[in-house]
N, C-alpha and C. Protein backbone atom coordinates (compact mmCIF):
# COMPACT_ATOMS: atom_id res chain seq x y z
N MET A 1 96.84 111.34 153.68
CA MET A 1 97.73 110.88 152.62
C MET A 1 98.79 111.97 152.39
N GLU A 2 100.04 111.58 152.32
CA GLU A 2 101.11 112.52 152.07
C GLU A 2 101.14 112.91 150.60
N LEU A 3 101.71 114.08 150.31
CA LEU A 3 101.73 114.59 148.95
C LEU A 3 102.45 113.65 148.00
N LEU A 4 103.59 113.10 148.40
CA LEU A 4 104.31 112.19 147.52
C LEU A 4 103.47 110.94 147.21
N ASP A 5 102.75 110.46 148.20
CA ASP A 5 101.85 109.32 147.96
C ASP A 5 100.77 109.69 146.95
N MET A 6 100.23 110.90 147.07
CA MET A 6 99.21 111.36 146.12
C MET A 6 99.79 111.43 144.71
N MET A 7 101.02 111.90 144.58
CA MET A 7 101.66 112.01 143.27
C MET A 7 101.93 110.63 142.66
N LEU A 8 102.29 109.68 143.50
CA LEU A 8 102.50 108.32 143.02
C LEU A 8 101.19 107.71 142.53
N ARG A 9 100.12 108.02 143.21
CA ARG A 9 98.81 107.46 142.89
C ARG A 9 98.17 108.09 141.66
N ARG A 10 98.45 109.35 141.39
CA ARG A 10 97.80 110.07 140.31
C ARG A 10 98.14 109.46 138.96
N ARG A 11 97.12 109.13 138.21
CA ARG A 11 97.29 108.54 136.88
C ARG A 11 96.34 109.24 135.92
N SER A 12 96.73 109.31 134.66
CA SER A 12 95.82 109.80 133.63
C SER A 12 94.83 108.68 133.32
N VAL A 13 93.56 109.01 133.35
CA VAL A 13 92.51 108.03 133.10
C VAL A 13 91.76 108.46 131.84
N ARG A 14 91.71 107.57 130.87
CA ARG A 14 91.13 107.90 129.56
C ARG A 14 89.80 107.22 129.30
N HIS A 15 89.34 106.37 130.22
CA HIS A 15 88.06 105.67 130.04
C HIS A 15 87.23 105.83 131.30
N TYR A 16 85.96 106.17 131.09
CA TYR A 16 85.06 106.43 132.21
C TYR A 16 83.81 105.59 132.07
N ILE A 17 83.16 105.36 133.20
CA ILE A 17 81.86 104.70 133.21
C ILE A 17 80.80 105.78 133.40
N PRO A 18 79.56 105.47 133.06
CA PRO A 18 78.50 106.48 133.24
C PRO A 18 78.38 106.90 134.70
N GLY A 19 78.14 108.15 134.90
CA GLY A 19 77.97 108.69 136.25
C GLY A 19 78.32 110.16 136.26
N GLU A 20 77.73 110.87 137.19
CA GLU A 20 77.96 112.31 137.30
C GLU A 20 79.05 112.63 138.32
N ILE A 21 79.67 113.77 138.13
CA ILE A 21 80.64 114.28 139.09
C ILE A 21 79.84 115.00 140.18
N PRO A 22 79.96 114.58 141.44
CA PRO A 22 79.23 115.26 142.50
C PRO A 22 79.63 116.75 142.56
N GLU A 23 78.67 117.59 142.84
CA GLU A 23 78.91 119.03 142.89
C GLU A 23 80.01 119.39 143.88
N GLU A 24 80.02 118.73 145.03
CA GLU A 24 81.04 119.00 146.04
C GLU A 24 82.44 118.66 145.51
N ALA A 25 82.56 117.57 144.77
CA ALA A 25 83.85 117.18 144.20
C ALA A 25 84.29 118.19 143.14
N LEU A 26 83.37 118.60 142.28
CA LEU A 26 83.71 119.59 141.26
C LEU A 26 84.16 120.88 141.91
N THR A 27 83.49 121.29 142.96
CA THR A 27 83.88 122.52 143.67
C THR A 27 85.30 122.40 144.21
N LYS A 28 85.63 121.26 144.79
CA LYS A 28 86.99 121.07 145.34
C LYS A 28 88.04 121.07 144.22
N ILE A 29 87.71 120.47 143.09
CA ILE A 29 88.65 120.47 141.96
C ILE A 29 88.89 121.89 141.47
N LEU A 30 87.83 122.66 141.35
CA LEU A 30 87.96 124.06 140.92
C LEU A 30 88.73 124.88 141.96
N GLN A 31 88.46 124.64 143.23
CA GLN A 31 89.20 125.34 144.28
C GLN A 31 90.69 125.04 144.20
N ALA A 32 91.03 123.77 143.95
CA ALA A 32 92.45 123.40 143.82
C ALA A 32 93.10 124.17 142.68
N GLY A 33 92.38 124.33 141.58
CA GLY A 33 92.91 125.12 140.47
C GLY A 33 93.07 126.58 140.83
N LEU A 34 92.07 127.14 141.47
CA LEU A 34 92.11 128.56 141.82
C LEU A 34 93.15 128.88 142.89
N LEU A 35 93.55 127.88 143.66
CA LEU A 35 94.58 128.07 144.69
C LEU A 35 96.00 127.99 144.13
N SER A 36 96.13 127.79 142.83
CA SER A 36 97.44 127.58 142.22
C SER A 36 98.36 128.78 142.35
N ALA A 37 99.65 128.47 142.40
CA ALA A 37 100.66 129.52 142.38
C ALA A 37 100.61 130.22 141.02
N SER A 38 100.99 131.49 141.03
CA SER A 38 100.96 132.27 139.80
C SER A 38 102.06 133.32 139.86
N GLY A 39 102.77 133.50 138.74
CA GLY A 39 103.82 134.50 138.67
C GLY A 39 103.29 135.88 139.05
N ARG A 40 103.91 136.50 140.05
CA ARG A 40 103.52 137.81 140.56
C ARG A 40 102.04 137.85 140.99
N ALA A 41 101.48 136.70 141.30
CA ALA A 41 100.09 136.56 141.75
C ALA A 41 99.10 137.20 140.79
N ILE A 42 99.38 137.16 139.51
CA ILE A 42 98.51 137.77 138.50
C ILE A 42 97.26 136.92 138.25
N ARG A 43 97.41 135.62 138.31
CA ARG A 43 96.30 134.68 138.10
C ARG A 43 95.54 135.00 136.80
N PRO A 44 96.18 134.81 135.65
CA PRO A 44 95.56 135.20 134.38
C PRO A 44 94.50 134.23 133.88
N TRP A 45 94.29 133.13 134.60
CA TRP A 45 93.44 132.06 134.10
C TRP A 45 91.95 132.32 134.32
N GLU A 46 91.18 131.63 133.50
CA GLU A 46 89.72 131.50 133.65
C GLU A 46 89.43 130.02 133.41
N LEU A 47 88.49 129.48 134.14
CA LEU A 47 88.14 128.07 134.04
C LEU A 47 86.72 127.95 133.49
N ILE A 48 86.56 127.18 132.43
CA ILE A 48 85.26 127.00 131.81
C ILE A 48 84.82 125.55 132.04
N VAL A 49 83.77 125.37 132.82
CA VAL A 49 83.25 124.04 133.14
C VAL A 49 82.24 123.65 132.07
N ILE A 50 82.43 122.47 131.50
CA ILE A 50 81.54 121.99 130.44
C ILE A 50 80.91 120.68 130.91
N ARG A 51 79.58 120.68 130.98
CA ARG A 51 78.84 119.47 131.35
C ARG A 51 77.86 119.05 130.25
N ASN A 52 77.53 119.94 129.37
CA ASN A 52 76.57 119.67 128.32
C ASN A 52 77.10 118.57 127.41
N ARG A 53 76.33 117.48 127.25
CA ARG A 53 76.78 116.32 126.47
C ARG A 53 77.10 116.69 125.03
N GLU A 54 76.27 117.53 124.42
CA GLU A 54 76.51 117.92 123.02
C GLU A 54 77.81 118.71 122.88
N THR A 55 78.07 119.58 123.84
CA THR A 55 79.31 120.36 123.80
C THR A 55 80.52 119.45 124.02
N LEU A 56 80.42 118.52 124.96
CA LEU A 56 81.51 117.57 125.18
C LEU A 56 81.77 116.75 123.92
N GLN A 57 80.71 116.33 123.27
CA GLN A 57 80.85 115.56 122.03
C GLN A 57 81.56 116.41 120.97
N ALA A 58 81.14 117.66 120.82
CA ALA A 58 81.76 118.55 119.84
C ALA A 58 83.22 118.81 120.19
N LEU A 59 83.52 118.97 121.48
CA LEU A 59 84.90 119.22 121.92
C LEU A 59 85.82 118.05 121.59
N SER A 60 85.26 116.85 121.47
CA SER A 60 86.10 115.68 121.18
C SER A 60 86.81 115.81 119.83
N GLY A 61 86.37 116.74 118.99
CA GLY A 61 87.03 117.00 117.71
C GLY A 61 88.12 118.05 117.80
N CYS A 62 88.53 118.40 119.01
CA CYS A 62 89.52 119.47 119.19
C CYS A 62 90.94 119.06 118.80
N ARG A 63 91.15 117.80 118.54
CA ARG A 63 92.46 117.30 118.12
C ARG A 63 92.28 116.48 116.85
N THR A 64 93.37 116.24 116.13
CA THR A 64 93.29 115.53 114.85
C THR A 64 92.67 114.13 115.01
N ALA A 65 93.00 113.43 116.08
CA ALA A 65 92.34 112.16 116.40
C ALA A 65 91.28 112.46 117.45
N PRO A 66 90.07 111.92 117.33
CA PRO A 66 89.02 112.22 118.30
C PRO A 66 89.47 111.94 119.74
N VAL A 67 89.11 112.83 120.63
CA VAL A 67 89.47 112.70 122.04
C VAL A 67 88.30 112.02 122.75
N LYS A 68 88.36 110.69 122.80
CA LYS A 68 87.25 109.90 123.35
C LYS A 68 86.97 110.23 124.81
N MET A 69 88.00 110.68 125.55
CA MET A 69 87.78 111.01 126.96
C MET A 69 86.73 112.11 127.10
N LEU A 70 86.68 113.01 126.13
CA LEU A 70 85.68 114.08 126.18
C LEU A 70 84.28 113.55 125.89
N GLN A 71 84.19 112.52 125.08
CA GLN A 71 82.89 111.90 124.78
C GLN A 71 82.37 111.10 125.96
N GLU A 72 83.27 110.42 126.66
CA GLU A 72 82.88 109.52 127.75
C GLU A 72 82.77 110.22 129.10
N GLY A 73 83.51 111.30 129.28
CA GLY A 73 83.57 111.96 130.57
C GLY A 73 82.26 112.63 130.96
N ALA A 74 82.11 112.85 132.25
CA ALA A 74 80.92 113.52 132.78
C ALA A 74 81.06 115.03 132.71
N CYS A 75 82.29 115.48 132.60
CA CYS A 75 82.55 116.91 132.72
C CYS A 75 83.95 117.20 132.17
N ALA A 76 84.17 118.43 131.81
CA ALA A 76 85.51 118.87 131.40
C ALA A 76 85.71 120.30 131.87
N ILE A 77 86.96 120.67 132.06
CA ILE A 77 87.30 122.03 132.45
C ILE A 77 88.35 122.55 131.48
N ALA A 78 87.99 123.58 130.73
CA ALA A 78 88.94 124.23 129.83
C ALA A 78 89.66 125.33 130.62
N VAL A 79 90.97 125.37 130.46
CA VAL A 79 91.76 126.40 131.14
C VAL A 79 92.29 127.36 130.09
N VAL A 80 91.84 128.60 130.18
CA VAL A 80 92.26 129.65 129.26
C VAL A 80 92.88 130.77 130.08
N ALA A 81 93.66 131.62 129.41
CA ALA A 81 94.31 132.72 130.12
C ALA A 81 94.39 133.96 129.26
N ASP A 82 94.36 135.08 129.92
CA ASP A 82 94.51 136.37 129.26
C ASP A 82 95.99 136.59 128.98
N GLY A 83 96.36 136.44 127.72
CA GLY A 83 97.76 136.58 127.31
C GLY A 83 98.29 138.00 127.41
N GLU A 84 97.40 138.97 127.59
CA GLU A 84 97.84 140.37 127.74
C GLU A 84 98.23 140.70 129.17
N LYS A 85 97.87 139.84 130.11
CA LYS A 85 98.18 140.10 131.52
C LYS A 85 99.60 139.70 131.91
N THR A 86 100.11 138.65 131.27
CA THR A 86 101.43 138.13 131.67
C THR A 86 102.02 137.27 130.56
N ASP A 87 103.33 137.22 130.52
CA ASP A 87 104.00 136.37 129.52
C ASP A 87 104.23 134.96 130.04
N VAL A 88 103.83 134.68 131.27
CA VAL A 88 104.00 133.33 131.83
C VAL A 88 102.65 132.63 132.03
N TRP A 89 101.69 132.97 131.18
CA TRP A 89 100.37 132.36 131.29
C TRP A 89 100.41 130.85 131.08
N VAL A 90 101.32 130.38 130.22
CA VAL A 90 101.42 128.93 129.97
C VAL A 90 101.82 128.21 131.26
N GLU A 91 102.82 128.74 131.93
CA GLU A 91 103.28 128.12 133.17
C GLU A 91 102.20 128.20 134.24
N ASP A 92 101.56 129.36 134.36
CA ASP A 92 100.50 129.52 135.35
C ASP A 92 99.36 128.53 135.11
N CYS A 93 98.93 128.40 133.87
CA CYS A 93 97.83 127.48 133.55
C CYS A 93 98.24 126.03 133.74
N SER A 94 99.50 125.72 133.51
CA SER A 94 99.97 124.35 133.73
C SER A 94 99.88 123.98 135.20
N ILE A 95 100.16 124.92 136.07
CA ILE A 95 100.05 124.66 137.51
C ILE A 95 98.58 124.42 137.87
N VAL A 96 97.68 125.22 137.31
CA VAL A 96 96.25 125.03 137.54
C VAL A 96 95.83 123.62 137.13
N MET A 97 96.25 123.22 135.92
CA MET A 97 95.90 121.89 135.43
C MET A 97 96.43 120.80 136.36
N ALA A 98 97.69 120.92 136.77
CA ALA A 98 98.29 119.90 137.63
C ALA A 98 97.56 119.81 138.97
N ASN A 99 97.22 120.95 139.55
CA ASN A 99 96.52 120.93 140.84
C ASN A 99 95.15 120.27 140.71
N MET A 100 94.42 120.60 139.64
CA MET A 100 93.09 120.00 139.46
C MET A 100 93.20 118.50 139.19
N HIS A 101 94.22 118.12 138.43
CA HIS A 101 94.47 116.71 138.12
C HIS A 101 94.70 115.92 139.42
N LEU A 102 95.54 116.47 140.30
CA LEU A 102 95.82 115.82 141.58
C LEU A 102 94.57 115.74 142.46
N MET A 103 93.81 116.83 142.50
CA MET A 103 92.61 116.85 143.34
C MET A 103 91.59 115.83 142.85
N ALA A 104 91.40 115.74 141.54
CA ALA A 104 90.44 114.76 141.00
C ALA A 104 90.81 113.36 141.46
N ASP A 105 92.09 113.03 141.37
CA ASP A 105 92.54 111.70 141.78
C ASP A 105 92.33 111.51 143.28
N ALA A 106 92.64 112.52 144.07
CA ALA A 106 92.48 112.42 145.52
C ALA A 106 91.02 112.17 145.90
N LEU A 107 90.09 112.59 145.04
CA LEU A 107 88.67 112.40 145.29
C LEU A 107 88.14 111.10 144.68
N GLY A 108 89.05 110.31 144.08
CA GLY A 108 88.65 109.03 143.50
C GLY A 108 88.03 109.14 142.11
N LEU A 109 88.25 110.27 141.46
CA LEU A 109 87.73 110.48 140.10
C LEU A 109 88.84 110.31 139.08
N GLY A 110 88.46 109.99 137.87
CA GLY A 110 89.43 109.91 136.79
C GLY A 110 89.56 111.27 136.11
N SER A 111 90.75 111.56 135.63
CA SER A 111 90.97 112.80 134.89
C SER A 111 92.10 112.59 133.89
N CYS A 112 92.08 113.42 132.85
CA CYS A 112 93.14 113.36 131.86
C CYS A 112 93.36 114.75 131.27
N TRP A 113 94.61 115.10 131.09
CA TRP A 113 95.01 116.38 130.52
C TRP A 113 94.98 116.25 129.01
N VAL A 114 94.16 117.06 128.35
CA VAL A 114 94.10 117.10 126.89
C VAL A 114 94.88 118.34 126.45
N GLN A 115 96.07 118.13 125.94
CA GLN A 115 96.90 119.25 125.49
C GLN A 115 96.24 119.92 124.29
N CYS A 116 96.09 121.22 124.35
CA CYS A 116 95.42 121.96 123.27
C CYS A 116 96.32 123.02 122.63
N ARG A 117 97.18 123.62 123.44
CA ARG A 117 98.04 124.67 122.92
C ARG A 117 98.95 124.10 121.83
N LEU A 118 99.02 124.79 120.71
CA LEU A 118 99.86 124.41 119.57
C LEU A 118 99.43 123.09 118.93
N ARG A 119 98.15 122.76 119.01
CA ARG A 119 97.64 121.53 118.40
C ARG A 119 96.64 121.87 117.30
N GLU A 120 96.28 120.86 116.52
CA GLU A 120 95.36 121.02 115.40
C GLU A 120 94.11 120.19 115.63
N ALA A 121 92.96 120.75 115.26
CA ALA A 121 91.68 120.06 115.42
C ALA A 121 91.44 119.11 114.25
N ALA A 122 90.43 118.28 114.40
CA ALA A 122 90.09 117.29 113.36
C ALA A 122 89.73 117.97 112.04
N ASP A 123 89.22 119.19 112.11
CA ASP A 123 88.85 119.90 110.87
C ASP A 123 90.00 120.74 110.30
N SER A 124 91.21 120.52 110.78
CA SER A 124 92.46 121.15 110.31
C SER A 124 92.66 122.59 110.79
N ARG A 125 91.74 123.10 111.57
CA ARG A 125 91.94 124.43 112.16
C ARG A 125 92.81 124.28 113.40
N PRO A 126 93.43 125.38 113.84
CA PRO A 126 94.11 125.30 115.14
C PRO A 126 93.11 124.93 116.23
N THR A 127 93.53 124.10 117.16
CA THR A 127 92.66 123.67 118.25
C THR A 127 92.08 124.87 118.99
N GLU A 128 92.90 125.88 119.20
CA GLU A 128 92.42 127.07 119.92
C GLU A 128 91.23 127.71 119.21
N GLU A 129 91.30 127.84 117.91
CA GLU A 129 90.19 128.43 117.14
C GLU A 129 88.95 127.54 117.24
N TYR A 130 89.14 126.25 117.10
CA TYR A 130 88.04 125.29 117.18
C TYR A 130 87.33 125.40 118.53
N VAL A 131 88.10 125.39 119.61
CA VAL A 131 87.51 125.43 120.95
C VAL A 131 86.90 126.81 121.23
N ARG A 132 87.54 127.87 120.78
CA ARG A 132 86.99 129.22 120.99
C ARG A 132 85.60 129.34 120.35
N ASP A 133 85.42 128.75 119.17
CA ASP A 133 84.12 128.79 118.51
C ASP A 133 83.04 128.07 119.33
N LEU A 134 83.42 127.06 120.09
CA LEU A 134 82.47 126.32 120.91
C LEU A 134 82.21 126.99 122.27
N LEU A 135 83.26 127.56 122.87
CA LEU A 135 83.16 128.06 124.24
C LEU A 135 83.08 129.58 124.34
N HIS A 136 83.33 130.27 123.24
CA HIS A 136 83.13 131.72 123.16
C HIS A 136 83.97 132.56 124.13
N TYR A 137 85.20 132.17 124.37
CA TYR A 137 86.05 133.01 125.21
C TYR A 137 86.70 134.10 124.34
N PRO A 138 87.10 135.23 124.94
CA PRO A 138 87.61 136.37 124.17
C PRO A 138 88.89 136.04 123.38
N LYS A 139 89.10 136.78 122.31
CA LYS A 139 90.27 136.56 121.45
C LYS A 139 91.58 136.86 122.15
N THR A 140 91.57 137.67 123.19
CA THR A 140 92.81 137.96 123.94
C THR A 140 93.19 136.81 124.86
N TYR A 141 92.29 135.83 124.99
CA TYR A 141 92.56 134.67 125.84
C TYR A 141 93.10 133.52 125.00
N HIS A 142 93.97 132.73 125.62
CA HIS A 142 94.59 131.59 124.95
C HIS A 142 94.23 130.31 125.69
N LEU A 143 94.04 129.25 124.93
CA LEU A 143 93.70 127.95 125.49
C LEU A 143 94.98 127.18 125.80
N GLU A 144 95.10 126.74 127.05
CA GLU A 144 96.22 125.89 127.44
C GLU A 144 95.85 124.42 127.25
N ALA A 145 94.78 123.99 127.93
CA ALA A 145 94.43 122.58 127.92
C ALA A 145 93.00 122.39 128.42
N ILE A 146 92.53 121.16 128.30
CA ILE A 146 91.23 120.77 128.83
C ILE A 146 91.45 119.58 129.74
N LEU A 147 90.87 119.64 130.93
CA LEU A 147 90.93 118.51 131.85
C LEU A 147 89.61 117.75 131.76
N THR A 148 89.67 116.48 131.37
CA THR A 148 88.48 115.65 131.37
C THR A 148 88.28 115.09 132.77
N LEU A 149 87.04 114.89 133.15
CA LEU A 149 86.71 114.33 134.45
C LEU A 149 85.65 113.26 134.27
N GLY A 150 85.81 112.16 134.99
CA GLY A 150 84.81 111.11 134.89
C GLY A 150 84.90 110.12 136.04
N VAL A 151 83.87 109.31 136.12
CA VAL A 151 83.79 108.26 137.12
C VAL A 151 84.54 107.05 136.57
N ILE A 152 85.32 106.41 137.43
CA ILE A 152 86.09 105.23 137.00
C ILE A 152 85.59 104.00 137.76
N ASP A 153 85.72 102.84 137.12
CA ASP A 153 85.31 101.62 137.81
C ASP A 153 86.42 101.05 138.66
N SER A 154 87.66 101.28 138.29
CA SER A 154 88.80 100.87 139.11
C SER A 154 89.96 101.80 138.84
N HIS A 155 90.73 102.01 139.87
CA HIS A 155 91.87 102.93 139.77
C HIS A 155 93.08 102.20 139.20
N PRO A 156 93.76 102.80 138.22
CA PRO A 156 94.98 102.17 137.72
C PRO A 156 96.03 102.02 138.83
N ALA A 157 96.90 101.06 138.67
CA ALA A 157 97.95 100.84 139.67
C ALA A 157 98.80 102.10 139.81
N PRO A 158 99.18 102.43 141.03
CA PRO A 158 100.02 103.62 141.22
C PRO A 158 101.44 103.39 140.72
N HIS A 159 102.13 104.48 140.50
CA HIS A 159 103.55 104.41 140.21
C HIS A 159 104.27 104.00 141.49
N THR A 160 105.53 103.65 141.38
CA THR A 160 106.34 103.35 142.56
C THR A 160 107.59 104.21 142.52
N LEU A 161 108.20 104.39 143.66
CA LEU A 161 109.44 105.15 143.70
C LEU A 161 110.53 104.46 142.90
N GLU A 162 110.44 103.14 142.78
CA GLU A 162 111.42 102.39 142.00
C GLU A 162 111.30 102.70 140.50
N ASP A 163 110.12 103.17 140.08
CA ASP A 163 109.91 103.53 138.67
C ASP A 163 110.59 104.83 138.28
N LEU A 164 110.94 105.64 139.26
CA LEU A 164 111.49 106.96 138.96
C LEU A 164 112.81 106.87 138.20
N GLN A 165 112.97 107.73 137.22
CA GLN A 165 114.22 107.78 136.44
C GLN A 165 115.19 108.72 137.14
N THR A 166 115.79 108.22 138.20
CA THR A 166 116.67 109.05 139.00
C THR A 166 117.93 109.47 138.25
N ASP A 167 118.24 108.80 137.14
CA ASP A 167 119.40 109.19 136.34
C ASP A 167 119.17 110.54 135.64
N LYS A 168 117.96 111.06 135.71
CA LYS A 168 117.66 112.36 135.13
C LYS A 168 117.97 113.51 136.08
N VAL A 169 118.42 113.19 137.28
CA VAL A 169 118.76 114.21 138.28
C VAL A 169 120.27 114.46 138.21
N HIS A 170 120.63 115.72 138.08
CA HIS A 170 122.04 116.13 138.00
C HIS A 170 122.31 117.14 139.10
N TYR A 171 123.49 117.05 139.70
CA TYR A 171 123.87 117.98 140.75
C TYR A 171 125.01 118.86 140.27
N GLU A 172 124.85 120.13 140.48
CA GLU A 172 125.84 121.16 140.16
C GLU A 172 126.00 121.42 138.67
N THR A 173 126.21 120.39 137.86
CA THR A 173 126.29 120.56 136.41
C THR A 173 125.57 119.39 135.75
N PHE A 174 125.32 119.50 134.47
CA PHE A 174 124.66 118.42 133.74
C PHE A 174 125.61 117.25 133.65
């Protein structure tokens, strides 16, 4: 499958059916994240894999409206970064998230990006504080996002090249 075809096929999936993520698939998803490009090759990220049902349930309160994907999913991956290592940790972590998102889809799994940075939890605390209390990462680390992973019963229809908003492309000047 060509990369553009993979990008057309990749969809955010918010509903999952019961089932586990095979270990081999999880390893490939993590490898895709770890292979991500990084400014000056600093790689400030750390990936926290969450499979415990109680923790996933608790994580669903990380946003003001419950994140049902975390309740239904088989697994989640929190992406955090050491903010003292680089000022481009947000960009670096976004690439990690995108690579893992694409790999999950390529493996026939559902995934969804749960934005956490600059968000508020259901208990009115910053999402980062809420998630740090659950996952115990150091205070020098910042939470970018959480990728939910789950088994899907059918894949959503892919995008098409005709769907692209080509009017958003400008040459030479805006």
